[in-house]
Amino acid sequence: MNHALQAELDHALTAAVEEMRLAVDQLADALQDERTALETADVDGLNRAGASKHALMVRLEQLDSERVQLSRSAPEATRALAPVWQQVLQSLRACQQLNQRNGTLVGIRLQQVRKALAVLTGNELEASVYGRAGDLRTSLRSQSLAEA
């Protein structure tokens, strides 16, 4: 492979990894926005954060595919970018923790809503069980509270 082509591949790999680093930073921001929206019950903010999170995950998947492909043709650049790549991976792990933290908050809010519905419908909070397919089953039945 000639030197100019190799330099172009190295540059493309460097650009892909840098774009990934920036996208991961944006993902962390989106996860923080999601957390704020969850804490303040901001539905519009939650929708925006969710859409942003989804778009960034799609972008990260595309960039990672590009990075893997370029890494095969640019082994020296891959070695040179190893510290940056480790930072990207560390940031992704932090994002995973943020996402899990947000998921825990969603679970807590869901349980609160279920308790409120149980009170409103007059049903006691029944234990949830898993069905054969592994799905969670609860029996929250609607009940009239009053008639006019």
C-alpha atoms as a PDB file:
ATOM      1  CA  MET A   1       0.000   0.000   0.000  1.00  0.00           C
ATOM      2  CA  ASN A   2       1.395   3.392  -0.873  1.00  0.00           C
ATOM      3  CA  HIS A   3       2.212   5.992   1.768  1.00  0.00           C
ATOM      4  CA  ALA A   4      -0.507   8.503   0.743  1.00  0.00           C
ATOM      5  CA  LEU A   5      -3.262   5.884   0.957  1.00  0.00           C
ATOM      6  CA  GLN A   6      -1.999   4.681   4.335  1.00  0.00           C
ATOM      7  CA  ALA A   7      -1.916   8.270   5.639  1.00  0.00           C
ATOM      8  CA  GLU A   8      -5.502   8.748   4.456  1.00  0.00           C
ATOM      9  CA  LEU A   9      -6.633   5.557   6.228  1.00  0.00           C
ATOM     10  CA  ASP A  10      -4.824   6.637   9.404  1.00  0.00           C
ATOM     11  CA  HIS A  11      -6.505  10.034   9.241  1.00  0.00           C
ATOM     12  CA  ALA A  12      -9.943   8.465   8.681  1.00  0.00           C
ATOM     13  CA  LEU A  13      -9.467   6.168  11.684  1.00  0.00           C
ATOM     14  CA  THR A  14      -8.357   9.063  13.867  1.00  0.00           C
ATOM     15  CA  ALA A  15     -11.399  11.072  12.768  1.00  0.00           C
ATOM     16  CA  ALA A  16     -13.769   8.172  13.477  1.00  0.00           C
ATOM     17  CA  VAL A  17     -12.396   7.652  16.986  1.00  0.00           C
ATOM     18  CA  GLU A  18     -12.554  11.394  17.696  1.00  0.00           C
ATOM     19  CA  GLU A  19     -16.168  11.516  16.471  1.00  0.00           C
ATOM     20  CA  MET A  20     -16.929   8.597  18.775  1.00  0.00           C
ATOM     21  CA  ARG A  21     -15.358  10.436  21.696  1.00  0.00           C
ATOM     22  CA  LEU A  22     -17.515  13.490  20.993  1.00  0.00           C
ATOM     23  CA  ALA A  23     -20.660  11.370  20.545  1.00  0.00           C
ATOM     24  CA  VAL A  24     -20.040   9.617  23.867  1.00  0.00           C
ATOM     25  CA  ASP A  25     -19.711  13.015  25.573  1.00  0.00           C
ATOM     26  CA  GLN A  26     -23.016  14.040  23.986  1.00  0.00           C
ATOM     27  CA  LEU A  27     -24.561  10.753  25.133  1.00  0.00           C
ATOM     28  CA  ALA A  28     -23.502  11.489  28.711  1.00  0.00           C
ATOM     29  CA  ASP A  29     -25.154  14.912  28.403  1.00  0.00           C
ATOM     30  CA  ALA A  30     -28.331  13.321  27.019  1.00  0.00           C
ATOM     31  CA  LEU A  31     -28.388  10.844  29.903  1.00  0.00           C
ATOM     32  CA  GLN A  32     -28.019  13.692  32.388  1.00  0.00           C
ATOM     33  CA  ASP A  33     -30.847  15.554  30.626  1.00  0.00           C
ATOM     34  CA  GLU A  34     -32.923  12.378  30.862  1.00  0.00           C
ATOM     35  CA  ARG A  35     -32.217  12.169  34.594  1.00  0.00           C
ATOM     36  CA  THR A  36     -33.265  15.789  35.091  1.00  0.00           C
ATOM     37  CA  ALA A  37     -36.445  15.203  33.081  1.00  0.00           C
ATOM     38  CA  LEU A  38     -37.239  12.118  35.155  1.00  0.00           C
ATOM     39  CA  GLU A  39     -36.688  13.965  38.410  1.00  0.00           C
ATOM     40  CA  THR A  40     -38.868  16.900  37.364  1.00  0.00           C
ATOM     41  CA  ALA A  41     -41.489  14.814  35.516  1.00  0.00           C
ATOM     42  CA  ASP A  42     -40.796  16.820  32.333  1.00  0.00           C
ATOM     43  CA  VAL A  43     -42.416  14.713  29.618  1.00  0.00           C
ATOM     44  CA  ASP A  44     -41.206  16.887  26.732  1.00  0.00           C
ATOM     45  CA  GLY A  45     -37.671  16.914  28.132  1.00  0.00           C
ATOM     46  CA  LEU A  46     -37.806  13.150  28.561  1.00  0.00           C
ATOM     47  CA  ASN A  47     -38.922  12.716  24.960  1.00  0.00           C
ATOM     48  CA  ARG A  48     -36.145  14.999  23.700  1.00  0.00           C
ATOM     49  CA  ALA A  49     -33.526  13.199  25.791  1.00  0.00           C
ATOM     50  CA  GLY A  50     -34.784   9.811  24.620  1.00  0.00           C
ATOM     51  CA  ALA A  51     -34.695  10.839  20.961  1.00  0.00           C
ATOM     52  CA  SER A  52     -31.219  12.295  21.388  1.00  0.00           C
ATOM     53  CA  LYS A  53     -30.026   9.167  23.186  1.00  0.00           C
ATOM     54  CA  HIS A  54     -31.376   6.949  20.418  1.00  0.00           C
ATOM     55  CA  ALA A  55     -29.821   9.040  17.633  1.00  0.00           C
ATOM     56  CA  LEU A  56     -26.460   9.037  19.411  1.00  0.00           C
ATOM     57  CA  MET A  57     -26.540   5.270  19.910  1.00  0.00           C
ATOM     58  CA  VAL A  58     -27.242   4.762  16.197  1.00  0.00           C
ATOM     59  CA  ARG A  59     -24.387   7.139  15.366  1.00  0.00           C
ATOM     60  CA  LEU A  60     -22.023   5.339  17.749  1.00  0.00           C
ATOM     61  CA  GLU A  61     -22.869   1.992  16.163  1.00  0.00           C
ATOM     62  CA  GLN A  62     -22.110   3.392  12.703  1.00  0.00           C
ATOM     63  CA  LEU A  63     -18.845   4.935  13.857  1.00  0.00           C
ATOM     64  CA  ASP A  64     -17.775   1.758  15.622  1.00  0.00           C
ATOM     65  CA  SER A  65     -18.406  -0.265  12.486  1.00  0.00           C
ATOM     66  CA  GLU A  66     -16.299   2.228  10.554  1.00  0.00           C
ATOM     67  CA  ARG A  67     -13.588   2.113  13.234  1.00  0.00           C
ATOM     68  CA  VAL A  68     -13.399  -1.681  13.139  1.00  0.00           C
ATOM     69  CA  GLN A  69     -13.131  -1.694   9.363  1.00  0.00           C
ATOM     70  CA  LEU A  70     -10.448   0.999   9.299  1.00  0.00           C
ATOM     71  CA  SER A  71      -8.498  -0.647  12.128  1.00  0.00           C
ATOM     72  CA  ARG A  72      -7.828  -3.651   9.923  1.00  0.00           C
ATOM     73  CA  SER A  73      -6.112  -1.456   7.360  1.00  0.00           C
ATOM     74  CA  ALA A  74      -4.358   0.903   9.765  1.00  0.00           C
ATOM     75  CA  PRO A  75      -2.662  -1.153  12.493  1.00  0.00           C
ATOM     76  CA  GLU A  76      -0.109   1.537  13.383  1.00  0.00           C
ATOM     77  CA  ALA A  77      -2.805   4.192  13.825  1.00  0.00           C
ATOM     78  CA  THR A  78      -4.810   1.699  15.881  1.00  0.00           C
ATOM     79  CA  ARG A  79      -1.888   1.268  18.269  1.00  0.00           C
ATOM     80  CA  ALA A  80      -1.320   5.032  18.433  1.00  0.00           C
ATOM     81  CA  LEU A  81      -5.004   5.613  19.201  1.00  0.00           C
ATOM     82  CA  ALA A  82      -5.155   2.961  21.935  1.00  0.00           C
ATOM     83  CA  PRO A  83      -5.104   5.486  24.830  1.00  0.00           C
ATOM     84  CA  VAL A  84      -7.878   7.555  23.237  1.00  0.00           C
ATOM     85  CA  TRP A  85      -9.869   4.388  22.570  1.00  0.00           C
ATOM     86  CA  GLN A  86      -9.497   3.369  26.226  1.00  0.00           C
ATOM     87  CA  GLN A  87     -10.892   6.775  27.234  1.00  0.00           C
ATOM     88  CA  VAL A  88     -13.851   6.232  24.897  1.00  0.00           C
ATOM     89  CA  LEU A  89     -14.497   2.824  26.455  1.00  0.00           C
ATOM     90  CA  GLN A  90     -14.247   4.265  29.963  1.00  0.00           C
ATOM     91  CA  SER A  91     -16.714   7.017  29.026  1.00  0.00           C
ATOM     92  CA  LEU A  92     -19.074   4.406  27.568  1.00  0.00           C
ATOM     93  CA  ARG A  93     -18.948   2.478  30.850  1.00  0.00           C
ATOM     94  CA  ALA A  94     -19.833   5.694  32.691  1.00  0.00           C
ATOM     95  CA  CYS A  95     -22.749   6.178  30.274  1.00  0.00           C
ATOM     96  CA  GLN A  96     -23.894   2.639  30.973  1.00  0.00           C
ATOM     97  CA  GLN A  97     -23.920   3.409  34.691  1.00  0.00           C
ATOM     98  CA  LEU A  98     -25.864   6.631  34.074  1.00  0.00           C
ATOM     99  CA  ASN A  99     -28.372   4.704  31.974  1.00  0.00           C
ATOM    100  CA  GLN A 100     -28.765   2.066  34.687  1.00  0.00           C
ATOM    101  CA  ARG A 101     -29.258   4.799  37.287  1.00  0.00           C
ATOM    102  CA  ASN A 102     -31.981   6.330  35.111  1.00  0.00           C
ATOM    103  CA  GLY A 103     -33.547   2.898  34.646  1.00  0.00           C
ATOM    104  CA  THR A 104     -33.653   2.439  38.405  1.00  0.00           C
ATOM    105  CA  LEU A 105     -35.446   5.767  38.741  1.00  0.00           C
ATOM    106  CA  VAL A 106     -37.943   4.703  36.064  1.00  0.00           C
ATOM    107  CA  GLY A 107     -38.543   1.470  37.990  1.00  0.00           C
ATOM    108  CA  ILE A 108     -39.167   3.389  41.197  1.00  0.00           C
ATOM    109  CA  ARG A 109     -41.596   5.736  39.443  1.00  0.00           C
ATOM    110  CA  LEU A 110     -43.383   2.791  37.849  1.00  0.00           C
ATOM    111  CA  GLN A 111     -43.825   1.163  41.243  1.00  0.00           C
ATOM    112  CA  GLN A 112     -45.207   4.445  42.617  1.00  0.00           C
ATOM    113  CA  VAL A 113     -47.710   4.640  39.763  1.00  0.00           C
ATOM    114  CA  ARG A 114     -48.757   1.031  40.345  1.00  0.00           C
ATOM    115  CA  LYS A 115     -49.314   1.742  44.035  1.00  0.00           C
ATOM    116  CA  ALA A 116     -51.346   4.840  43.202  1.00  0.00           C
ATOM    117  CA  LEU A 117     -53.442   2.884  40.703  1.00  0.00           C
ATOM    118  CA  ALA A 118     -54.020   0.157  43.269  1.00  0.00           C
ATOM    119  CA  VAL A 119     -55.285   2.756  45.729  1.00  0.00           C
ATOM    120  CA  LEU A 120     -57.492   4.435  43.120  1.00  0.00           C
ATOM    121  CA  THR A 121     -58.991   1.173  41.903  1.00  0.00           C
ATOM    122  CA  GLY A 122     -59.519  -0.170  45.387  1.00  0.00           C
ATOM    123  CA  ASN A 123     -57.310  -3.188  44.834  1.00  0.00           C
ATOM    124  CA  GLU A 124     -54.642  -4.083  47.253  1.00  0.00           C
ATOM    125  CA  LEU A 125     -51.199  -4.099  45.775  1.00  0.00           C
ATOM    126  CA  GLU A 126     -50.786  -7.659  44.610  1.00  0.00           C
ATOM    127  CA  ALA A 127     -47.507  -9.384  44.144  1.00  0.00           C
ATOM    128  CA  SER A 128     -46.263  -9.437  40.591  1.00  0.00           C
ATOM    129  CA  VAL A 129     -45.316 -12.770  39.098  1.00  0.00           C
ATOM    130  CA  TYR A 130     -43.522 -13.861  35.970  1.00  0.00           C
ATOM    131  CA  GLY A 131     -45.430 -15.785  33.311  1.00  0.00           C
ATOM    132  CA  ARG A 132     -44.146 -18.671  31.214  1.00  0.00           C
ATOM    133  CA  ALA A 133     -42.732 -16.284  28.610  1.00  0.00           C
ATOM    134  CA  GLY A 134     -40.818 -14.405  31.285  1.00  0.00           C
ATOM    135  CA  ASP A 135     -43.137 -11.409  31.205  1.00  0.00           C
ATOM    136  CA  LEU A 136     -44.146  -9.636  34.391  1.00  0.00           C
ATOM    137  CA  ARG A 137     -47.806 -10.070  35.238  1.00  0.00           C
ATOM    138  CA  THR A 138     -49.759  -7.955  37.630  1.00  0.00           C
ATOM    139  CA  SER A 139     -53.487  -7.970  38.080  1.00  0.00           C
ATOM    140  CA  LEU A 140     -54.511  -4.367  38.477  1.00  0.00           C
ATOM    141  CA  ARG A 141     -58.215  -4.430  37.657  1.00  0.00           C
ATOM    142  CA  SER A 142     -60.239  -1.296  37.169  1.00  0.00           C
ATOM    143  CA  GLN A 143     -63.109  -0.788  39.567  1.00  0.00           C
ATOM    144  CA  SER A 144     -65.718   1.911  39.755  1.00  0.00           C
ATOM    145  CA  LEU A 145     -65.232   4.228  42.704  1.00  0.00           C
ATOM    146  CA  ALA A 146     -68.701   5.807  42.533  1.00  0.00           C
ATOM    147  CA  GLU A 147     -71.846   6.014  40.445  1.00  0.00           C
ATOM    148  CA  ALA A 148     -74.050   9.028  39.820  1.00  0.00           C
END
